[in-house]
Amino acid sequence: MMKIRKTQSILRKAKLTLTALAVMMTALSGTVFAADPLATINSLSDFIFSAIKAIGFILLGFGVVQIGLSLKSHDASQRANGFLTFFGGVIIAFAKDILDMIM
């Protein structure tokens, strides 16, 4: 008999605790508004284009070094590769600006 009352008391406390928890979760929940999805996509696009611009400037610098070394050694094929790398770096570095002008 004593065991049954003890179990009933534990179950009553558990029921009261779960009811209070359910009321608190319902009362304390607020409305959450999502961020503007276009702003998120635009910031991701800006990040990607800034990474591409950095790669373009690295290639541009490497092209300048190649051109300088080819002028020192009088190597025509290295000079051609240097100019190709330089102009490729310019195009990659300013890809977003070029695309903005086209559109």
PDB file of N, CA and C in Angstrom:
ATOM      1  N   MET A   1       0.819  -1.187   0.000  1.00  0.00           N
ATOM      2  CA  MET A   1       0.000   0.000   0.000  1.00  0.00           C
ATOM      3  C   MET A   1       0.871   1.262   0.000  1.00  0.00           C
ATOM      4  N   MET A   2       1.936   1.214   0.767  1.00  0.00           N
ATOM      5  CA  MET A   2       2.842   2.343   0.862  1.00  0.00           C
ATOM      6  C   MET A   2       3.563   2.580  -0.461  1.00  0.00           C
ATOM      7  N   LYS A   3       3.877   1.501  -1.150  1.00  0.00           N
ATOM      8  CA  LYS A   3       4.572   1.590  -2.421  1.00  0.00           C
ATOM      9  C   LYS A   3       3.689   2.238  -3.489  1.00  0.00           C
ATOM     10  N   ILE A   4       2.406   1.956  -3.438  1.00  0.00           N
ATOM     11  CA  ILE A   4       1.474   2.513  -4.411  1.00  0.00           C
ATOM     12  C   ILE A   4       1.362   4.028  -4.211  1.00  0.00           C
ATOM     13  N   ARG A   5       1.246   4.476  -2.947  1.00  0.00           N
ATOM     14  CA  ARG A   5       1.150   5.919  -2.675  1.00  0.00           C
ATOM     15  C   ARG A   5       2.421   6.647  -3.099  1.00  0.00           C
ATOM     16  N   LYS A   6       3.559   6.016  -2.848  1.00  0.00           N
ATOM     17  CA  LYS A   6       4.827   6.635  -3.236  1.00  0.00           C
ATOM     18  C   LYS A   6       4.917   6.770  -4.759  1.00  0.00           C
ATOM     19  N   THR A   7       4.480   5.727  -5.466  1.00  0.00           N
ATOM     20  CA  THR A   7       4.487   5.755  -6.925  1.00  0.00           C
ATOM     21  C   THR A   7       3.508   6.798  -7.443  1.00  0.00           C
ATOM     22  N   GLN A   8       2.323   6.905  -6.817  1.00  0.00           N
ATOM     23  CA  GLN A   8       1.340   7.912  -7.214  1.00  0.00           C
ATOM     24  C   GLN A   8       1.885   9.328  -6.991  1.00  0.00           C
ATOM     25  N   SER A   9       2.584   9.510  -5.890  1.00  0.00           N
ATOM     26  CA  SER A   9       3.173  10.817  -5.603  1.00  0.00           C
ATOM     27  C   SER A   9       4.225  11.186  -6.647  1.00  0.00           C
ATOM     28  N   ILE A  10       5.053  10.225  -7.014  1.00  0.00           N
ATOM     29  CA  ILE A  10       6.084  10.476  -8.036  1.00  0.00           C
ATOM     30  C   ILE A  10       5.430  10.782  -9.375  1.00  0.00           C
ATOM     31  N   LEU A  11       4.394  10.019  -9.733  1.00  0.00           N
ATOM     32  CA  LEU A  11       3.694  10.248 -10.994  1.00  0.00           C
ATOM     33  C   LEU A  11       2.989  11.604 -11.002  1.00  0.00           C
ATOM     34  N   ARG A  12       2.410  12.023  -9.859  1.00  0.00           N
ATOM     35  CA  ARG A  12       1.739  13.316  -9.761  1.00  0.00           C
ATOM     36  C   ARG A  12       2.760  14.451  -9.949  1.00  0.00           C
ATOM     37  N   LYS A  13       3.935  14.325  -9.330  1.00  0.00           N
ATOM     38  CA  LYS A  13       4.987  15.337  -9.489  1.00  0.00           C
ATOM     39  C   LYS A  13       5.489  15.392 -10.935  1.00  0.00           C
ATOM     40  N   ALA A  14       5.626  14.223 -11.552  1.00  0.00           N
ATOM     41  CA  ALA A  14       6.073  14.176 -12.951  1.00  0.00           C
ATOM     42  C   ALA A  14       5.036  14.819 -13.861  1.00  0.00           C
ATOM     43  N   LYS A  15       3.756  14.545 -13.604  1.00  0.00           N
ATOM     44  CA  LYS A  15       2.686  15.132 -14.404  1.00  0.00           C
ATOM     45  C   LYS A  15       2.666  16.650 -14.244  1.00  0.00           C
ATOM     46  N   LEU A  16       2.821  17.125 -13.013  1.00  0.00           N
ATOM     47  CA  LEU A  16       2.839  18.555 -12.747  1.00  0.00           C
ATOM     48  C   LEU A  16       4.050  19.228 -13.412  1.00  0.00           C
ATOM     49  N   THR A  17       5.191  18.575 -13.349  1.00  0.00           N
ATOM     50  CA  THR A  17       6.401  19.111 -13.959  1.00  0.00           C
ATOM     51  C   THR A  17       6.267  19.178 -15.477  1.00  0.00           C
ATOM     52  N   LEU A  18       5.751  18.116 -16.086  1.00  0.00           N
ATOM     53  CA  LEU A  18       5.580  18.110 -17.541  1.00  0.00           C
ATOM     54  C   LEU A  18       4.541  19.126 -17.998  1.00  0.00           C
ATOM     55  N   THR A  19       3.483  19.307 -17.207  1.00  0.00           N
ATOM     56  CA  THR A  19       2.467  20.306 -17.542  1.00  0.00           C
ATOM     57  C   THR A  19       3.062  21.711 -17.457  1.00  0.00           C
ATOM     58  N   ALA A  20       3.828  21.964 -16.403  1.00  0.00           N
ATOM     59  CA  ALA A  20       4.468  23.280 -16.264  1.00  0.00           C
ATOM     60  C   ALA A  20       5.460  23.521 -17.397  1.00  0.00           C
ATOM     61  N   LEU A  21       6.185  22.491 -17.778  1.00  0.00           N
ATOM     62  CA  LEU A  21       7.138  22.601 -18.868  1.00  0.00           C
ATOM     63  C   LEU A  21       6.422  22.890 -20.191  1.00  0.00           C
ATOM     64  N   ALA A  22       5.300  22.225 -20.434  1.00  0.00           N
ATOM     65  CA  ALA A  22       4.539  22.459 -21.662  1.00  0.00           C
ATOM     66  C   ALA A  22       3.971  23.883 -21.688  1.00  0.00           C
ATOM     67  N   VAL A  23       3.482  24.373 -20.557  1.00  0.00           N
ATOM     68  CA  VAL A  23       2.946  25.731 -20.500  1.00  0.00           C
ATOM     69  C   VAL A  23       4.064  26.741 -20.729  1.00  0.00           C
ATOM     70  N   MET A  24       5.236  26.513 -20.118  1.00  0.00           N
ATOM     71  CA  MET A  24       6.358  27.433 -20.292  1.00  0.00           C
ATOM     72  C   MET A  24       6.838  27.451 -21.742  1.00  0.00           C
ATOM     73  N   MET A  25       6.909  26.284 -22.364  1.00  0.00           N
ATOM     74  CA  MET A  25       7.361  26.236 -23.755  1.00  0.00           C
ATOM     75  C   MET A  25       6.372  26.944 -24.673  1.00  0.00           C
ATOM     76  N   THR A  26       5.099  26.848 -24.383  1.00  0.00           N
ATOM     77  CA  THR A  26       4.090  27.508 -25.195  1.00  0.00           C
ATOM     78  C   THR A  26       4.104  29.013 -24.958  1.00  0.00           C
ATOM     79  N   ALA A  27       4.214  29.426 -23.712  1.00  0.00           N
ATOM     80  CA  ALA A  27       4.143  30.846 -23.376  1.00  0.00           C
ATOM     81  C   ALA A  27       5.414  31.594 -23.764  1.00  0.00           C
ATOM     82  N   LEU A  28       6.548  30.959 -23.691  1.00  0.00           N
ATOM     83  CA  LEU A  28       7.809  31.641 -23.930  1.00  0.00           C
ATOM     84  C   LEU A  28       8.280  31.568 -25.374  1.00  0.00           C
ATOM     85  N   SER A  29       7.526  30.896 -26.212  1.00  0.00           N
ATOM     86  CA  SER A  29       7.939  30.844 -27.617  1.00  0.00           C
ATOM     87  C   SER A  29       7.501  32.130 -28.303  1.00  0.00           C
ATOM     88  N   GLY A  30       8.419  32.672 -29.091  1.00  0.00           N
ATOM     89  CA  GLY A  30       8.124  33.912 -29.787  1.00  0.00           C
ATOM     90  C   GLY A  30       8.175  33.708 -31.282  1.00  0.00           C
ATOM     91  N   THR A  31       7.738  34.712 -31.989  1.00  0.00           N
ATOM     92  CA  THR A  31       7.760  34.642 -33.440  1.00  0.00           C
ATOM     93  C   THR A  31       9.174  34.943 -33.926  1.00  0.00           C
ATOM     94  N   VAL A  32       9.660  34.126 -34.789  1.00  0.00           N
ATOM     95  CA  VAL A  32      10.998  34.306 -35.339  1.00  0.00           C
ATOM     96  C   VAL A  32      10.854  34.587 -36.826  1.00  0.00           C
ATOM     97  N   PHE A  33      11.470  35.682 -37.269  1.00  0.00           N
ATOM     98  CA  PHE A  33      11.403  36.039 -38.675  1.00  0.00           C
ATOM     99  C   PHE A  33      12.700  35.631 -39.358  1.00  0.00           C
ATOM    100  N   ALA A  34      12.582  35.053 -40.515  1.00  0.00           N
ATOM    101  CA  ALA A  34      13.760  34.621 -41.267  1.00  0.00           C
ATOM    102  C   ALA A  34      14.431  35.834 -41.902  1.00  0.00           C
ATOM    103  N   ALA A  35      15.727  35.707 -42.125  1.00  0.00           N
ATOM    104  CA  ALA A  35      16.469  36.781 -42.783  1.00  0.00           C
ATOM    105  C   ALA A  35      16.087  36.835 -44.261  1.00  0.00           C
ATOM    106  N   ASP A  36      16.356  37.961 -44.857  1.00  0.00           N
ATOM    107  CA  ASP A  36      16.053  38.140 -46.266  1.00  0.00           C
ATOM    108  C   ASP A  36      16.928  37.194 -47.089  1.00  0.00           C
ATOM    109  N   PRO A  37      16.347  36.264 -47.832  1.00  0.00           N
ATOM    110  CA  PRO A  37      17.169  35.303 -48.572  1.00  0.00           C
ATOM    111  C   PRO A  37      18.012  35.948 -49.672  1.00  0.00           C
ATOM    112  N   LEU A  38      17.518  37.022 -50.261  1.00  0.00           N
ATOM    113  CA  LEU A  38      18.302  37.693 -51.305  1.00  0.00           C
ATOM    114  C   LEU A  38      19.548  38.354 -50.733  1.00  0.00           C
ATOM    115  N   ALA A  39      19.446  38.880 -49.525  1.00  0.00           N
ATOM    116  CA  ALA A  39      20.616  39.489 -48.892  1.00  0.00           C
ATOM    117  C   ALA A  39      21.674  38.429 -48.601  1.00  0.00           C
ATOM    118  N   THR A  40      21.237  37.265 -48.192  1.00  0.00           N
ATOM    119  CA  THR A  40      22.175  36.173 -47.921  1.00  0.00           C
ATOM    120  C   THR A  40      22.867  35.724 -49.205  1.00  0.00           C
ATOM    121  N   ILE A  41      22.106  35.594 -50.268  1.00  0.00           N
ATOM    122  CA  ILE A  41      22.679  35.180 -51.554  1.00  0.00           C
ATOM    123  C   ILE A  41      23.635  36.249 -52.083  1.00  0.00           C
ATOM    124  N   ASN A  42      23.272  37.526 -51.922  1.00  0.00           N
ATOM    125  CA  ASN A  42      24.151  38.603 -52.373  1.00  0.00           C
ATOM    126  C   ASN A  42      25.451  38.648 -51.589  1.00  0.00           C
ATOM    127  N   SER A  43      25.389  38.409 -50.288  1.00  0.00           N
ATOM    128  CA  SER A  43      26.630  38.406 -49.506  1.00  0.00           C
ATOM    129  C   SER A  43      27.501  37.216 -49.886  1.00  0.00           C
ATOM    130  N   LEU A  44      26.896  36.071 -50.169  1.00  0.00           N
ATOM    131  CA  LEU A  44      27.668  34.913 -50.631  1.00  0.00           C
ATOM    132  C   LEU A  44      28.303  35.197 -51.989  1.00  0.00           C
ATOM    133  N   SER A  45      27.559  35.847 -52.867  1.00  0.00           N
ATOM    134  CA  SER A  45      28.088  36.216 -54.178  1.00  0.00           C
ATOM    135  C   SER A  45      29.253  37.191 -54.047  1.00  0.00           C
ATOM    136  N   ASP A  46      29.128  38.168 -53.144  1.00  0.00           N
ATOM    137  CA  ASP A  46      30.231  39.117 -52.919  1.00  0.00           C
ATOM    138  C   ASP A  46      31.469  38.407 -52.394  1.00  0.00           C
ATOM    139  N   PHE A  47      31.275  37.437 -51.491  1.00  0.00           N
ATOM    140  CA  PHE A  47      32.410  36.684 -50.955  1.00  0.00           C
ATOM    141  C   PHE A  47      33.111  35.882 -52.050  1.00  0.00           C
ATOM    142  N   ILE A  48      32.328  35.214 -52.892  1.00  0.00           N
ATOM    143  CA  ILE A  48      32.914  34.402 -53.963  1.00  0.00           C
ATOM    144  C   ILE A  48      33.665  35.285 -54.953  1.00  0.00           C
ATOM    145  N   PHE A  49      33.074  36.424 -55.325  1.00  0.00           N
ATOM    146  CA  PHE A  49      33.755  37.305 -56.270  1.00  0.00           C
ATOM    147  C   PHE A  49      35.003  37.947 -55.670  1.00  0.00           C
ATOM    148  N   SER A  50      35.003  38.184 -54.356  1.00  0.00           N
ATOM    149  CA  SER A  50      36.224  38.720 -53.741  1.00  0.00           C
ATOM    150  C   SER A  50      37.328  37.668 -53.728  1.00  0.00           C
ATOM    151  N   ALA A  51      36.962  36.401 -53.534  1.00  0.00           N
ATOM    152  CA  ALA A  51      37.960  35.327 -53.608  1.00  0.00           C
ATOM    153  C   ALA A  51      38.502  35.196 -55.029  1.00  0.00           C
ATOM    154  N   ILE A  52      37.627  35.302 -56.031  1.00  0.00           N
ATOM    155  CA  ILE A  52      38.063  35.234 -57.428  1.00  0.00           C
ATOM    156  C   ILE A  52      38.959  36.422 -57.755  1.00  0.00           C
ATOM    157  N   LYS A  53      38.625  37.606 -57.223  1.00  0.00           N
ATOM    158  CA  LYS A  53      39.444  38.799 -57.467  1.00  0.00           C
ATOM    159  C   LYS A  53      40.838  38.614 -56.874  1.00  0.00           C
ATOM    160  N   ALA A  54      40.929  38.005 -55.685  1.00  0.00           N
ATOM    161  CA  ALA A  54      42.231  37.770 -55.064  1.00  0.00           C
ATOM    162  C   ALA A  54      43.071  36.820 -55.916  1.00  0.00           C
ATOM    163  N   ILE A  55      42.442  35.765 -56.438  1.00  0.00           N
ATOM    164  CA  ILE A  55      43.157  34.830 -57.309  1.00  0.00           C
ATOM    165  C   ILE A  55      43.626  35.546 -58.577  1.00  0.00           C
ATOM    166  N   GLY A  56      42.790  36.425 -59.110  1.00  0.00           N
ATOM    167  CA  GLY A  56      43.163  37.190 -60.307  1.00  0.00           C
ATOM    168  C   GLY A  56      44.367  38.076 -60.064  1.00  0.00           C
ATOM    169  N   PHE A  57      44.413  38.737 -58.897  1.00  0.00           N
ATOM    170  CA  PHE A  57      45.555  39.598 -58.602  1.00  0.00           C
ATOM    171  C   PHE A  57      46.831  38.789 -58.379  1.00  0.00           C
ATOM    172  N   ILE A  58      46.687  37.585 -57.832  1.00  0.00           N
ATOM    173  CA  ILE A  58      47.859  36.711 -57.687  1.00  0.00           C
ATOM    174  C   ILE A  58      48.396  36.332 -59.070  1.00  0.00           C
ATOM    175  N   LEU A  59      47.504  35.954 -59.983  1.00  0.00           N
ATOM    176  CA  LEU A  59      47.934  35.624 -61.349  1.00  0.00           C
ATOM    177  C   LEU A  59      48.527  36.837 -62.055  1.00  0.00           C
ATOM    178  N   LEU A  60      47.958  37.998 -61.815  1.00  0.00           N
ATOM    179  CA  LEU A  60      48.469  39.220 -62.418  1.00  0.00           C
ATOM    180  C   LEU A  60      49.906  39.482 -61.955  1.00  0.00           C
ATOM    181  N   GLY A  61      50.145  39.326 -60.669  1.00  0.00           N
ATOM    182  CA  GLY A  61      51.504  39.503 -60.147  1.00  0.00           C
ATOM    183  C   GLY A  61      52.474  38.469 -60.688  1.00  0.00           C
ATOM    184  N   PHE A  62      52.010  37.225 -60.793  1.00  0.00           N
ATOM    185  CA  PHE A  62      52.865  36.173 -61.332  1.00  0.00           C
ATOM    186  C   PHE A  62      53.191  36.447 -62.801  1.00  0.00           C
ATOM    187  N   GLY A  63      52.224  36.989 -63.547  1.00  0.00           N
ATOM    188  CA  GLY A  63      52.472  37.344 -64.951  1.00  0.00           C
ATOM    189  C   GLY A  63      53.514  38.432 -65.077  1.00  0.00           C
ATOM    190  N   VAL A  64      53.462  39.437 -64.181  1.00  0.00           N
ATOM    191  CA  VAL A  64      54.467  40.500 -64.202  1.00  0.00           C
ATOM    192  C   VAL A  64      55.853  39.926 -63.934  1.00  0.00           C
ATOM    193  N   VAL A  65      55.953  39.009 -62.987  1.00  0.00           N
ATOM    194  CA  VAL A  65      57.247  38.373 -62.685  1.00  0.00           C
ATOM    195  C   VAL A  65      57.749  37.590 -63.898  1.00  0.00           C
ATOM    196  N   GLN A  66      56.855  36.855 -64.550  1.00  0.00           N
ATOM    197  CA  GLN A  66      57.256  36.095 -65.739  1.00  0.00           C
ATOM    198  C   GLN A  66      57.734  37.017 -66.856  1.00  0.00           C
ATOM    199  N   ILE A  67      57.053  38.122 -67.058  1.00  0.00           N
ATOM    200  CA  ILE A  67      57.463  39.071 -68.098  1.00  0.00           C
ATOM    201  C   ILE A  67      58.839  39.633 -67.770  1.00  0.00           C
ATOM    202  N   GLY A  68      59.040  39.996 -66.508  1.00  0.00           N
ATOM    203  CA  GLY A  68      60.340  40.523 -66.101  1.00  0.00           C
ATOM    204  C   GLY A  68      61.463  39.527 -66.283  1.00  0.00           C
ATOM    205  N   LEU A  69      61.217  38.273 -65.930  1.00  0.00           N
ATOM    206  CA  LEU A  69      62.253  37.242 -66.103  1.00  0.00           C
ATOM    207  C   LEU A  69      62.521  36.966 -67.577  1.00  0.00           C
ATOM    208  N   SER A  70      61.477  37.037 -68.403  1.00  0.00           N
ATOM    209  CA  SER A  70      61.682  36.772 -69.830  1.00  0.00           C
ATOM    210  C   SER A  70      62.458  37.902 -70.498  1.00  0.00           C
ATOM    211  N   LEU A  71      62.269  39.133 -70.041  1.00  0.00           N
ATOM    212  CA  LEU A  71      63.025  40.248 -70.601  1.00  0.00           C
ATOM    213  C   LEU A  71      64.503  40.129 -70.223  1.00  0.00           C
ATOM    214  N   LYS A  72      64.764  39.565 -69.058  1.00  0.00           N
ATOM    215  CA  LYS A  72      66.151  39.396 -68.630  1.00  0.00           C
ATOM    216  C   LYS A  72      66.844  38.280 -69.419  1.00  0.00           C
ATOM    217  N   SER A  73      66.104  37.198 -69.670  1.00  0.00           N
ATOM    218  CA  SER A  73      66.723  36.041 -70.329  1.00  0.00           C
ATOM    219  C   SER A  73      66.507  36.030 -71.848  1.00  0.00           C
ATOM    220  N   HIS A  74      65.749  36.986 -72.380  1.00  0.00           N
ATOM    221  CA  HIS A  74      65.469  37.073 -73.818  1.00  0.00           C
ATOM    222  C   HIS A  74      64.788  35.804 -74.345  1.00  0.00           C
ATOM    223  N   ASP A  75      63.853  35.283 -73.562  1.00  0.00           N
ATOM    224  CA  ASP A  75      63.124  34.072 -73.955  1.00  0.00           C
ATOM    225  C   ASP A  75      61.734  34.484 -74.448  1.00  0.00           C
ATOM    226  N   ALA A  76      61.480  34.259 -75.743  1.00  0.00           N
ATOM    227  CA  ALA A  76      60.226  34.719 -76.352  1.00  0.00           C
ATOM    228  C   ALA A  76      59.021  33.908 -75.877  1.00  0.00           C
ATOM    229  N   SER A  77      59.191  32.599 -75.711  1.00  0.00           N
ATOM    230  CA  SER A  77      58.046  31.786 -75.286  1.00  0.00           C
ATOM    231  C   SER A  77      57.667  32.097 -73.837  1.00  0.00           C
ATOM    232  N   GLN A  78      58.655  32.358 -72.999  1.00  0.00           N
ATOM    233  CA  GLN A  78      58.352  32.727 -71.613  1.00  0.00           C
ATOM    234  C   GLN A  78      57.686  34.102 -71.574  1.00  0.00           C
ATOM    235  N   ARG A  79      58.087  34.984 -72.471  1.00  0.00           N
ATOM    236  CA  ARG A  79      57.471  36.314 -72.548  1.00  0.00           C
ATOM    237  C   ARG A  79      56.009  36.183 -72.971  1.00  0.00           C
ATOM    238  N   ALA A  80      55.747  35.323 -73.939  1.00  0.00           N
ATOM    239  CA  ALA A  80      54.359  35.117 -74.389  1.00  0.00           C
ATOM    240  C   ALA A  80      53.515  34.534 -73.256  1.00  0.00           C
ATOM    241  N   ASN A  81      54.063  33.554 -72.532  1.00  0.00           N
ATOM    242  CA  ASN A  81      53.333  32.982 -71.400  1.00  0.00           C
ATOM    243  C   ASN A  81      53.116  34.022 -70.304  1.00  0.00           C
ATOM    244  N   GLY A  82      54.101  34.890 -70.106  1.00  0.00           N
ATOM    245  CA  GLY A  82      53.955  35.944 -69.105  1.00  0.00           C
ATOM    246  C   GLY A  82      52.841  36.907 -69.459  1.00  0.00           C
ATOM    247  N   PHE A  83      52.773  37.317 -70.731  1.00  0.00           N
ATOM    248  CA  PHE A  83      51.700  38.226 -71.137  1.00  0.00           C
ATOM    249  C   PHE A  83      50.336  37.551 -71.055  1.00  0.00           C
ATOM    250  N   LEU A  84      50.276  36.256 -71.427  1.00  0.00           N
ATOM    251  CA  LEU A  84      49.007  35.534 -71.312  1.00  0.00           C
ATOM    252  C   LEU A  84      48.559  35.433 -69.853  1.00  0.00           C
ATOM    253  N   THR A  85      49.504  35.149 -68.967  1.00  0.00           N
ATOM    254  CA  THR A  85      49.173  35.062 -67.547  1.00  0.00           C
ATOM    255  C   THR A  85      48.750  36.427 -67.011  1.00  0.00           C
ATOM    256  N   PHE A  86      49.453  37.471 -67.418  1.00  0.00           N
ATOM    257  CA  PHE A  86      49.129  38.831 -66.978  1.00  0.00           C
ATOM    258  C   PHE A  86      47.720  39.226 -67.407  1.00  0.00           C
ATOM    259  N   PHE A  87      47.408  39.053 -68.694  1.00  0.00           N
ATOM    260  CA  PHE A  87      46.088  39.450 -69.177  1.00  0.00           C
ATOM    261  C   PHE A  87      44.981  38.535 -68.647  1.00  0.00           C
ATOM    262  N   GLY A  88      45.305  37.254 -68.448  1.00  0.00           N
ATOM    263  CA  GLY A  88      44.331  36.368 -67.811  1.00  0.00           C
ATOM    264  C   GLY A  88      44.037  36.801 -66.383  1.00  0.00           C
ATOM    265  N   GLY A  89      45.081  37.224 -65.666  1.00  0.00           N
ATOM    266  CA  GLY A  89      44.882  37.729 -64.315  1.00  0.00           C
ATOM    267  C   GLY A  89      44.045  38.989 -64.289  1.00  0.00           C
ATOM    268  N   VAL A  90      44.254  39.882 -65.277  1.00  0.00           N
ATOM    269  CA  VAL A  90      43.444  41.106 -65.364  1.00  0.00           C
ATOM    270  C   VAL A  90      41.984  40.754 -65.583  1.00  0.00           C
ATOM    271  N   ILE A  91      41.725  39.822 -66.482  1.00  0.00           N
ATOM    272  CA  ILE A  91      40.338  39.432 -66.770  1.00  0.00           C
ATOM    273  C   ILE A  91      39.693  38.773 -65.559  1.00  0.00           C
ATOM    274  N   ILE A  92      40.441  37.910 -64.853  1.00  0.00           N
ATOM    275  CA  ILE A  92      39.886  37.240 -63.677  1.00  0.00           C
ATOM    276  C   ILE A  92      39.674  38.235 -62.543  1.00  0.00           C
ATOM    277  N   ALA A  93      40.638  39.158 -62.352  1.00  0.00           N
ATOM    278  CA  ALA A  93      40.527  40.115 -61.255  1.00  0.00           C
ATOM    279  C   ALA A  93      39.337  41.041 -61.427  1.00  0.00           C
ATOM    280  N   PHE A  94      39.024  41.398 -62.660  1.00  0.00           N
ATOM    281  CA  PHE A  94      37.928  42.325 -62.892  1.00  0.00           C
ATOM    282  C   PHE A  94      36.721  41.635 -63.524  1.00  0.00           C
ATOM    283  N   ALA A  95      36.532  40.357 -63.223  1.00  0.00           N
ATOM    284  CA  ALA A  95      35.428  39.585 -63.807  1.00  0.00           C
ATOM    285  C   ALA A  95      34.071  40.152 -63.396  1.00  0.00           C
ATOM    286  N   LYS A  96      33.912  40.515 -62.122  1.00  0.00           N
ATOM    287  CA  LYS A  96      32.626  41.036 -61.677  1.00  0.00           C
ATOM    288  C   LYS A  96      32.299  42.353 -62.355  1.00  0.00           C
ATOM    289  N   ASP A  97      33.300  43.217 -62.483  1.00  0.00           N
ATOM    290  CA  ASP A  97      33.077  44.499 -63.154  1.00  0.00           C
ATOM    291  C   ASP A  97      32.726  44.298 -64.628  1.00  0.00           C
ATOM    292  N   ILE A  98      33.385  43.352 -65.262  1.00  0.00           N
ATOM    293  CA  ILE A  98      33.091  43.051 -66.666  1.00  0.00           C
ATOM    294  C   ILE A  98      31.663  42.515 -66.809  1.00  0.00           C
ATOM    295  N   LEU A  99      31.288  41.602 -65.901  1.00  0.00           N
ATOM    296  CA  LEU A  99      29.919  41.060 -65.945  1.00  0.00           C
ATOM    297  C   LEU A  99      28.880  42.138 -65.653  1.00  0.00           C
ATOM    298  N   ASP A 100      29.185  43.054 -64.731  1.00  0.00           N
ATOM    299  CA  ASP A 100      28.248  44.139 -64.446  1.00  0.00           C
ATOM    300  C   ASP A 100      28.078  45.067 -65.639  1.00  0.00           C
ATOM    301  N   MET A 101      29.164  45.297 -66.396  1.00  0.00           N
ATOM    302  CA  MET A 101      29.060  46.150 -67.594  1.00  0.00           C
ATOM    303  C   MET A 101      28.239  45.462 -68.679  1.00  0.00           C
ATOM    304  N   ILE A 102      28.389  44.129 -68.796  1.00  0.00           N
ATOM    305  CA  ILE A 102      27.629  43.400 -69.811  1.00  0.00           C
ATOM    306  C   ILE A 102      26.155  43.390 -69.486  1.00  0.00           C
ATOM    307  N   MET A 103      25.826  43.200 -68.227  1.00  0.00           N
ATOM    308  CA  MET A 103      24.411  43.118 -67.838  1.00  0.00           C
ATOM    309  C   MET A 103      23.918  44.483 -67.604  1.00  0.00           C
TER     310      MET A 103
END
